[in-house]
PDB file of N, CA and C in Angstrom:
ATOM      1  N   MET A   1    -174.720 158.186  60.355  1.00  0.00           N
ATOM      2  CA  MET A   1    -173.840 158.229  61.496  1.00  0.00           C
ATOM      3  C   MET A   1    -172.763 157.139  61.406  1.00  0.00           C
ATOM      4  N   LYS A   2    -173.163 155.989  60.888  1.00  0.00           N
ATOM      5  CA  LYS A   2    -172.211 154.884  60.790  1.00  0.00           C
ATOM      6  C   LYS A   2    -171.084 155.221  59.806  1.00  0.00           C
ATOM      7  N   LYS A   3    -171.426 155.884  58.723  1.00  0.00           N
ATOM      8  CA  LYS A   3    -170.408 156.245  57.732  1.00  0.00           C
ATOM      9  C   LYS A   3    -169.386 157.205  58.332  1.00  0.00           C
ATOM     10  N   LYS A   4    -169.863 158.137  59.137  1.00  0.00           N
ATOM     11  CA  LYS A   4    -168.952 159.104  59.752  1.00  0.00           C
ATOM     12  C   LYS A   4    -167.990 158.394  60.698  1.00  0.00           C
ATOM     13  N   LYS A   5    -168.508 157.435  61.469  1.00  0.00           N
ATOM     14  CA  LYS A   5    -167.648 156.692  62.393  1.00  0.00           C
ATOM     15  C   LYS A   5    -166.634 155.850  61.616  1.00  0.00           C
ATOM     16  N   ASP A   6    -167.082 155.241  60.535  1.00  0.00           N
ATOM     17  CA  ASP A   6    -166.168 154.455  59.708  1.00  0.00           C
ATOM     18  C   ASP A   6    -165.054 155.330  59.138  1.00  0.00           C
ATOM     19  N   LEU A   7    -165.413 156.517  58.693  1.00  0.00           N
ATOM     20  CA  LEU A   7    -164.399 157.435  58.169  1.00  0.00           C
ATOM     21  C   LEU A   7    -163.413 157.846  59.248  1.00  0.00           C
ATOM     22  N   GLU A   8    -163.894 158.081  60.456  1.00  0.00           N
ATOM     23  CA  GLU A   8    -163.001 158.440  61.559  1.00  0.00           C
ATOM     24  C   GLU A   8    -162.064 157.290  61.893  1.00  0.00           C
ATOM     25  N   ASP A   9    -162.585 156.063  61.861  1.00  0.00           N
ATOM     26  CA  ASP A   9    -161.740 154.891  62.113  1.00  0.00           C
ATOM     27  C   ASP A   9    -160.659 154.758  61.042  1.00  0.00           C
ATOM     28  N   ILE A  10    -161.039 154.999  59.806  1.00  0.00           N
ATOM     29  CA  ILE A  10    -160.068 154.905  58.711  1.00  0.00           C
ATOM     30  C   ILE A  10    -158.994 155.978  58.865  1.00  0.00           C
ATOM     31  N   LYS A  11    -159.400 157.193  59.200  1.00  0.00           N
ATOM     32  CA  LYS A  11    -158.431 158.275  59.399  1.00  0.00           C
ATOM     33  C   LYS A  11    -157.482 157.949  60.538  1.00  0.00           C
ATOM     34  N   HIS A  12    -158.026 157.423  61.644  1.00  0.00           N
ATOM     35  CA  HIS A  12    -157.190 157.085  62.801  1.00  0.00           C
ATOM     36  C   HIS A  12    -156.203 155.970  62.440  1.00  0.00           C
ATOM     37  N   THR A  13    -156.694 154.946  61.752  1.00  0.00           N
ATOM     38  CA  THR A  13    -155.833 153.829  61.349  1.00  0.00           C
ATOM     39  C   THR A  13    -154.727 154.309  60.414  1.00  0.00           C
ATOM     40  N   TRP A  14    -155.091 155.160  59.452  1.00  0.00           N
ATOM     41  CA  TRP A  14    -154.097 155.668  58.510  1.00  0.00           C
ATOM     42  C   TRP A  14    -153.055 156.508  59.225  1.00  0.00           C
ATOM     43  N   LYS A  15    -153.509 157.327  60.192  1.00  0.00           N
ATOM     44  CA  LYS A  15    -152.578 158.181  60.928  1.00  0.00           C
ATOM     45  C   LYS A  15    -151.611 157.331  61.744  1.00  0.00           C
ATOM     46  N   CYS A  16    -152.108 156.285  62.400  1.00  0.00           N
ATOM     47  CA  CYS A  16    -151.235 155.399  63.182  1.00  0.00           C
ATOM     48  C   CYS A  16    -150.239 154.689  62.279  1.00  0.00           C
ATOM     49  N   ASN A  17    -150.718 154.207  61.141  1.00  0.00           N
ATOM     50  CA  ASN A  17    -149.830 153.510  60.210  1.00  0.00           C
ATOM     51  C   ASN A  17    -148.772 154.447  59.647  1.00  0.00           C
ATOM     52  N   SER A  18    -149.156 155.682  59.356  1.00  0.00           N
ATOM     53  CA  SER A  18    -148.177 156.613  58.798  1.00  0.00           C
ATOM     54  C   SER A  18    -147.110 156.966  59.833  1.00  0.00           C
ATOM     55  N   LEU A  19    -147.494 157.039  61.111  1.00  0.00           N
ATOM     56  CA  LEU A  19    -146.504 157.302  62.159  1.00  0.00           C
ATOM     57  C   LEU A  19    -145.539 156.132  62.303  1.00  0.00           C
ATOM     58  N   GLU A  20    -146.068 154.915  62.214  1.00  0.00           N
ATOM     59  CA  GLU A  20    -145.209 153.732  62.299  1.00  0.00           C
ATOM     60  C   GLU A  20    -144.248 153.677  61.110  1.00  0.00           C
ATOM     61  N   ILE A  21    -144.762 153.992  59.936  1.00  0.00           N
ATOM     62  CA  ILE A  21    -143.919 153.983  58.737  1.00  0.00           C
ATOM     63  C   ILE A  21    -142.835 155.047  58.846  1.00  0.00           C
ATOM     64  N   GLU A  22    -143.196 156.212  59.349  1.00  0.00           N
ATOM     65  CA  GLU A  22    -142.217 157.291  59.498  1.00  0.00           C
ATOM     66  C   GLU A  22    -141.114 156.899  60.483  1.00  0.00           C
ATOM     67  N   LYS A  23    -141.488 156.274  61.596  1.00  0.00           N
ATOM     68  CA  LYS A  23    -140.491 155.828  62.578  1.00  0.00           C
ATOM     69  C   LYS A  23    -139.565 154.782  61.970  1.00  0.00           C
ATOM     70  N   GLU A  24    -140.141 153.854  61.203  1.00  0.00           N
ATOM     71  CA  GLU A  24    -139.339 152.808  60.575  1.00  0.00           C
ATOM     72  C   GLU A  24    -138.381 153.396  59.540  1.00  0.00           C
ATOM     73  N   MET A  25    -138.843 154.377  58.772  1.00  0.00           N
ATOM     74  CA  MET A  25    -137.976 155.021  57.784  1.00  0.00           C
ATOM     75  C   MET A  25    -136.829 155.759  58.465  1.00  0.00           C
ATOM     76  N   LYS A  26    -137.090 156.419  59.583  1.00  0.00           N
ATOM     77  CA  LYS A  26    -136.024 157.106  60.314  1.00  0.00           C
ATOM     78  C   LYS A  26    -135.010 156.106  60.850  1.00  0.00           C
ATOM     79  N   ARG A  27    -135.492 154.957  61.355  1.00  0.00           N
ATOM     80  CA  ARG A  27    -134.593 153.933  61.883  1.00  0.00           C
ATOM     81  C   ARG A  27    -133.688 153.397  60.771  1.00  0.00           C
ATOM     82  N   ILE A  28    -134.267 153.137  59.613  1.00  0.00           N
ATOM     83  CA  ILE A  28    -133.485 152.622  58.487  1.00  0.00           C
ATOM     84  C   ILE A  28    -132.462 153.655  58.022  1.00  0.00           C
ATOM     85  N   ALA A  29    -132.865 154.908  57.942  1.00  0.00           N
ATOM     86  CA  ALA A  29    -131.939 155.968  57.518  1.00  0.00           C
ATOM     87  C   ALA A  29    -130.795 156.118  58.511  1.00  0.00           C
ATOM     88  N   ASP A  30    -131.085 156.024  59.803  1.00  0.00           N
ATOM     89  CA  ASP A  30    -130.023 156.112  60.807  1.00  0.00           C
ATOM     90  C   ASP A  30    -129.044 154.959  60.662  1.00  0.00           C
ATOM     91  N   ASN A  31    -129.555 153.764  60.366  1.00  0.00           N
ATOM     92  CA  ASN A  31    -128.672 152.617  60.187  1.00  0.00           C
ATOM     93  C   ASN A  31    -127.808 152.763  58.940  1.00  0.00           C
ATOM     94  N   ILE A  32    -128.368 153.304  57.885  1.00  0.00           N
ATOM     95  CA  ILE A  32    -127.606 153.454  56.638  1.00  0.00           C
ATOM     96  C   ILE A  32    -126.538 154.526  56.772  1.00  0.00           C
ATOM     97  N   PHE A  33    -126.921 155.708  57.235  1.00  0.00           N
ATOM     98  CA  PHE A  33    -125.981 156.822  57.276  1.00  0.00           C
ATOM     99  C   PHE A  33    -125.079 156.787  58.502  1.00  0.00           C
ATOM    100  N   GLY A  34    -125.415 155.980  59.493  1.00  0.00           N
ATOM    101  CA  GLY A  34    -124.576 155.855  60.670  1.00  0.00           C
ATOM    102  C   GLY A  34    -123.631 154.670  60.582  1.00  0.00           C
ATOM    103  N   TYR A  35    -123.589 154.000  59.440  1.00  0.00           N
ATOM    104  CA  TYR A  35    -122.771 152.806  59.270  1.00  0.00           C
ATOM    105  C   TYR A  35    -121.298 153.168  59.200  1.00  0.00           C
ATOM    106  N   ASN A  36    -120.495 152.418  59.920  1.00  0.00           N
ATOM    107  CA  ASN A  36    -119.055 152.632  59.917  1.00  0.00           C
ATOM    108  C   ASN A  36    -118.383 151.288  59.642  1.00  0.00           C
ATOM    109  N   PRO A  37    -117.771 151.092  58.470  1.00  0.00           N
ATOM    110  CA  PRO A  37    -117.178 149.798  58.148  1.00  0.00           C
ATOM    111  C   PRO A  37    -116.010 149.424  59.054  1.00  0.00           C
ATOM    112  N   LYS A  38    -115.401 150.399  59.702  1.00  0.00           N
ATOM    113  CA  LYS A  38    -114.269 150.086  60.578  1.00  0.00           C
ATOM    114  C   LYS A  38    -114.712 149.378  61.847  1.00  0.00           C
ATOM    115  N   THR A  39    -115.989 149.485  62.208  1.00  0.00           N
ATOM    116  CA  THR A  39    -116.480 148.863  63.434  1.00  0.00           C
ATOM    117  C   THR A  39    -117.329 147.635  63.164  1.00  0.00           C
ATOM    118  N   ASP A  40    -117.517 147.257  61.911  1.00  0.00           N
ATOM    119  CA  ASP A  40    -118.347 146.110  61.560  1.00  0.00           C
ATOM    120  C   ASP A  40    -117.464 144.939  61.146  1.00  0.00           C
ATOM    121  N   PRO A  41    -117.410 143.875  61.942  1.00  0.00           N
ATOM    122  CA  PRO A  41    -116.539 142.741  61.603  1.00  0.00           C
ATOM    123  C   PRO A  41    -116.965 141.999  60.335  1.00  0.00           C
ATOM    124  N   ARG A  42    -118.185 142.186  59.863  1.00  0.00           N
ATOM    125  CA  ARG A  42    -118.625 141.533  58.626  1.00  0.00           C
ATOM    126  C   ARG A  42    -118.116 142.259  57.392  1.00  0.00           C
ATOM    127  N   ASP A  43    -117.617 143.465  57.555  1.00  0.00           N
ATOM    128  CA  ASP A  43    -117.158 144.261  56.421  1.00  0.00           C
ATOM    129  C   ASP A  43    -115.741 143.844  56.032  1.00  0.00           C
ATOM    130  N   PRO A  44    -115.430 143.748  54.734  1.00  0.00           N
ATOM    131  CA  PRO A  44    -114.083 143.334  54.316  1.00  0.00           C
ATOM    132  C   PRO A  44    -112.989 144.328  54.694  1.00  0.00           C
ATOM    133  N   LEU A  45    -113.331 145.577  54.970  1.00  0.00           N
ATOM    134  CA  LEU A  45    -112.318 146.562  55.355  1.00  0.00           C
ATOM    135  C   LEU A  45    -112.061 146.585  56.865  1.00  0.00           C
ATOM    136  N   PHE A  46    -112.750 145.738  57.615  1.00  0.00           N
ATOM    137  CA  PHE A  46    -112.622 145.745  59.065  1.00  0.00           C
ATOM    138  C   PHE A  46    -111.187 145.416  59.481  1.00  0.00           C
ATOM    139  N   ARG A  47    -110.589 146.290  60.267  1.00  0.00           N
ATOM    140  CA  ARG A  47    -109.228 146.145  60.806  1.00  0.00           C
ATOM    141  C   ARG A  47    -108.151 146.035  59.727  1.00  0.00           C
ATOM    142  N   LYS A  48    -108.391 146.604  58.584  1.00  0.00           N
ATOM    143  CA  LYS A  48    -107.373 146.611  57.536  1.00  0.00           C
ATOM    144  C   LYS A  48    -106.864 148.025  57.381  1.00  0.00           C
ATOM    145  N   THR A  49    -105.599 148.143  57.087  1.00  0.00           N
ATOM    146  CA  THR A  49    -104.994 149.452  56.879  1.00  0.00           C
ATOM    147  C   THR A  49    -105.138 149.823  55.413  1.00  0.00           C
ATOM    148  N   LEU A  50    -105.595 151.005  55.160  1.00  0.00           N
ATOM    149  CA  LEU A  50    -105.732 151.463  53.786  1.00  0.00           C
ATOM    150  C   LEU A  50    -104.373 151.901  53.258  1.00  0.00           C
ATOM    151  N   SER A  51    -104.170 151.818  51.963  1.00  0.00           N
ATOM    152  CA  SER A  51    -102.855 152.081  51.374  1.00  0.00           C
ATOM    153  C   SER A  51    -102.386 153.507  51.624  1.00  0.00           C
ATOM    154  N   TRP A  52    -103.298 154.484  51.610  1.00  0.00           N
ATOM    155  CA  TRP A  52    -102.861 155.867  51.797  1.00  0.00           C
ATOM    156  C   TRP A  52    -102.603 156.207  53.254  1.00  0.00           C
ATOM    157  N   SER A  53    -103.053 155.367  54.197  1.00  0.00           N
ATOM    158  CA  SER A  53    -102.790 155.649  55.601  1.00  0.00           C
ATOM    159  C   SER A  53    -101.674 154.765  56.158  1.00  0.00           C
ATOM    160  N   ALA A  54    -101.116 153.876  55.330  1.00  0.00           N
ATOM    161  CA  ALA A  54    -100.089 152.953  55.805  1.00  0.00           C
ATOM    162  C   ALA A  54     -98.807 153.681  56.173  1.00  0.00           C
ATOM    163  N   GLU A  55     -98.443 154.697  55.422  1.00  0.00           N
ATOM    164  CA  GLU A  55     -97.206 155.421  55.705  1.00  0.00           C
ATOM    165  C   GLU A  55     -97.292 156.170  57.025  1.00  0.00           C
ATOM    166  N   LYS A  56     -98.453 156.664  57.350  1.00  0.00           N
ATOM    167  CA  LYS A  56     -98.617 157.400  58.598  1.00  0.00           C
ATOM    168  C   LYS A  56     -98.418 156.496  59.807  1.00  0.00           C
ATOM    169  N   GLU A  57     -98.848 155.237  59.672  1.00  0.00           N
ATOM    170  CA  GLU A  57     -98.733 154.307  60.787  1.00  0.00           C
ATOM    171  C   GLU A  57     -97.392 153.590  60.802  1.00  0.00           C
ATOM    172  N   GLY A  58     -96.590 153.745  59.784  1.00  0.00           N
ATOM    173  CA  GLY A  58     -95.283 153.117  59.747  1.00  0.00           C
ATOM    174  C   GLY A  58     -95.304 151.710  59.188  1.00  0.00           C
ATOM    175  N   LYS A  59     -96.432 151.240  58.724  1.00  0.00           N
ATOM    176  CA  LYS A  59     -96.516 149.885  58.199  1.00  0.00           C
ATOM    177  C   LYS A  59     -96.101 149.822  56.731  1.00  0.00           C
ATOM    178  N   GLY A  60     -96.067 150.944  56.050  1.00  0.00           N
ATOM    179  CA  GLY A  60     -95.745 150.964  54.636  1.00  0.00           C
ATOM    180  C   GLY A  60     -94.268 151.183  54.358  1.00  0.00           C
ATOM    181  N   LYS A  61     -93.455 151.349  55.392  1.00  0.00           N
ATOM    182  CA  LYS A  61     -92.030 151.597  55.193  1.00  0.00           C
ATOM    183  C   LYS A  61     -91.314 150.296  54.847  1.00  0.00           C
ATOM    184  N   LYS A  62     -90.235 150.437  54.112  1.00  0.00           N
ATOM    185  CA  LYS A  62     -89.432 149.270  53.762  1.00  0.00           C
ATOM    186  C   LYS A  62     -88.634 148.822  54.981  1.00  0.00           C
ATOM    187  N   ASN A  63     -88.336 147.538  54.988  1.00  0.00           N
ATOM    188  CA  ASN A  63     -87.523 147.013  56.086  1.00  0.00           C
ATOM    189  C   ASN A  63     -86.093 147.522  55.943  1.00  0.00           C
ATOM    190  N   GLU A  64     -85.586 148.116  56.987  1.00  0.00           N
ATOM    191  CA  GLU A  64     -84.217 148.629  56.972  1.00  0.00           C
ATOM    192  C   GLU A  64     -83.379 147.810  57.949  1.00  0.00           C
ATOM    193  N   LYS A  65     -82.173 147.508  57.525  1.00  0.00           N
ATOM    194  CA  LYS A  65     -81.286 146.738  58.395  1.00  0.00           C
ATOM    195  C   LYS A  65     -80.544 147.683  59.316  1.00  0.00           C
ATOM    196  N   ASN A  66     -80.459 147.291  60.562  1.00  0.00           N
ATOM    197  CA  ASN A  66     -79.678 148.073  61.523  1.00  0.00           C
ATOM    198  C   ASN A  66     -78.235 147.596  61.494  1.00  0.00           C
ATOM    199  N   ASP A  67     -77.283 148.505  61.336  1.00  0.00           N
ATOM    200  CA  ASP A  67     -75.856 148.124  61.288  1.00  0.00           C
ATOM    201  C   ASP A  67     -75.232 148.235  62.646  1.00  0.00           C
TER     202      ASP A  67
END
């Protein structure tokens, strides 16, 4: 009888641990795939204009003199 109870305890512990591991893996995956460098101030691209989008914003145009 004791062996059966021990096996049930092991199964329960393993099941709880596997659920915790699964939740942690989902949290990590959400952080990785939900990452946006434009909103992270630690990222080197934060608030920088990319070269191919500079013309659209007007920052890539040459300075023109008004006559």
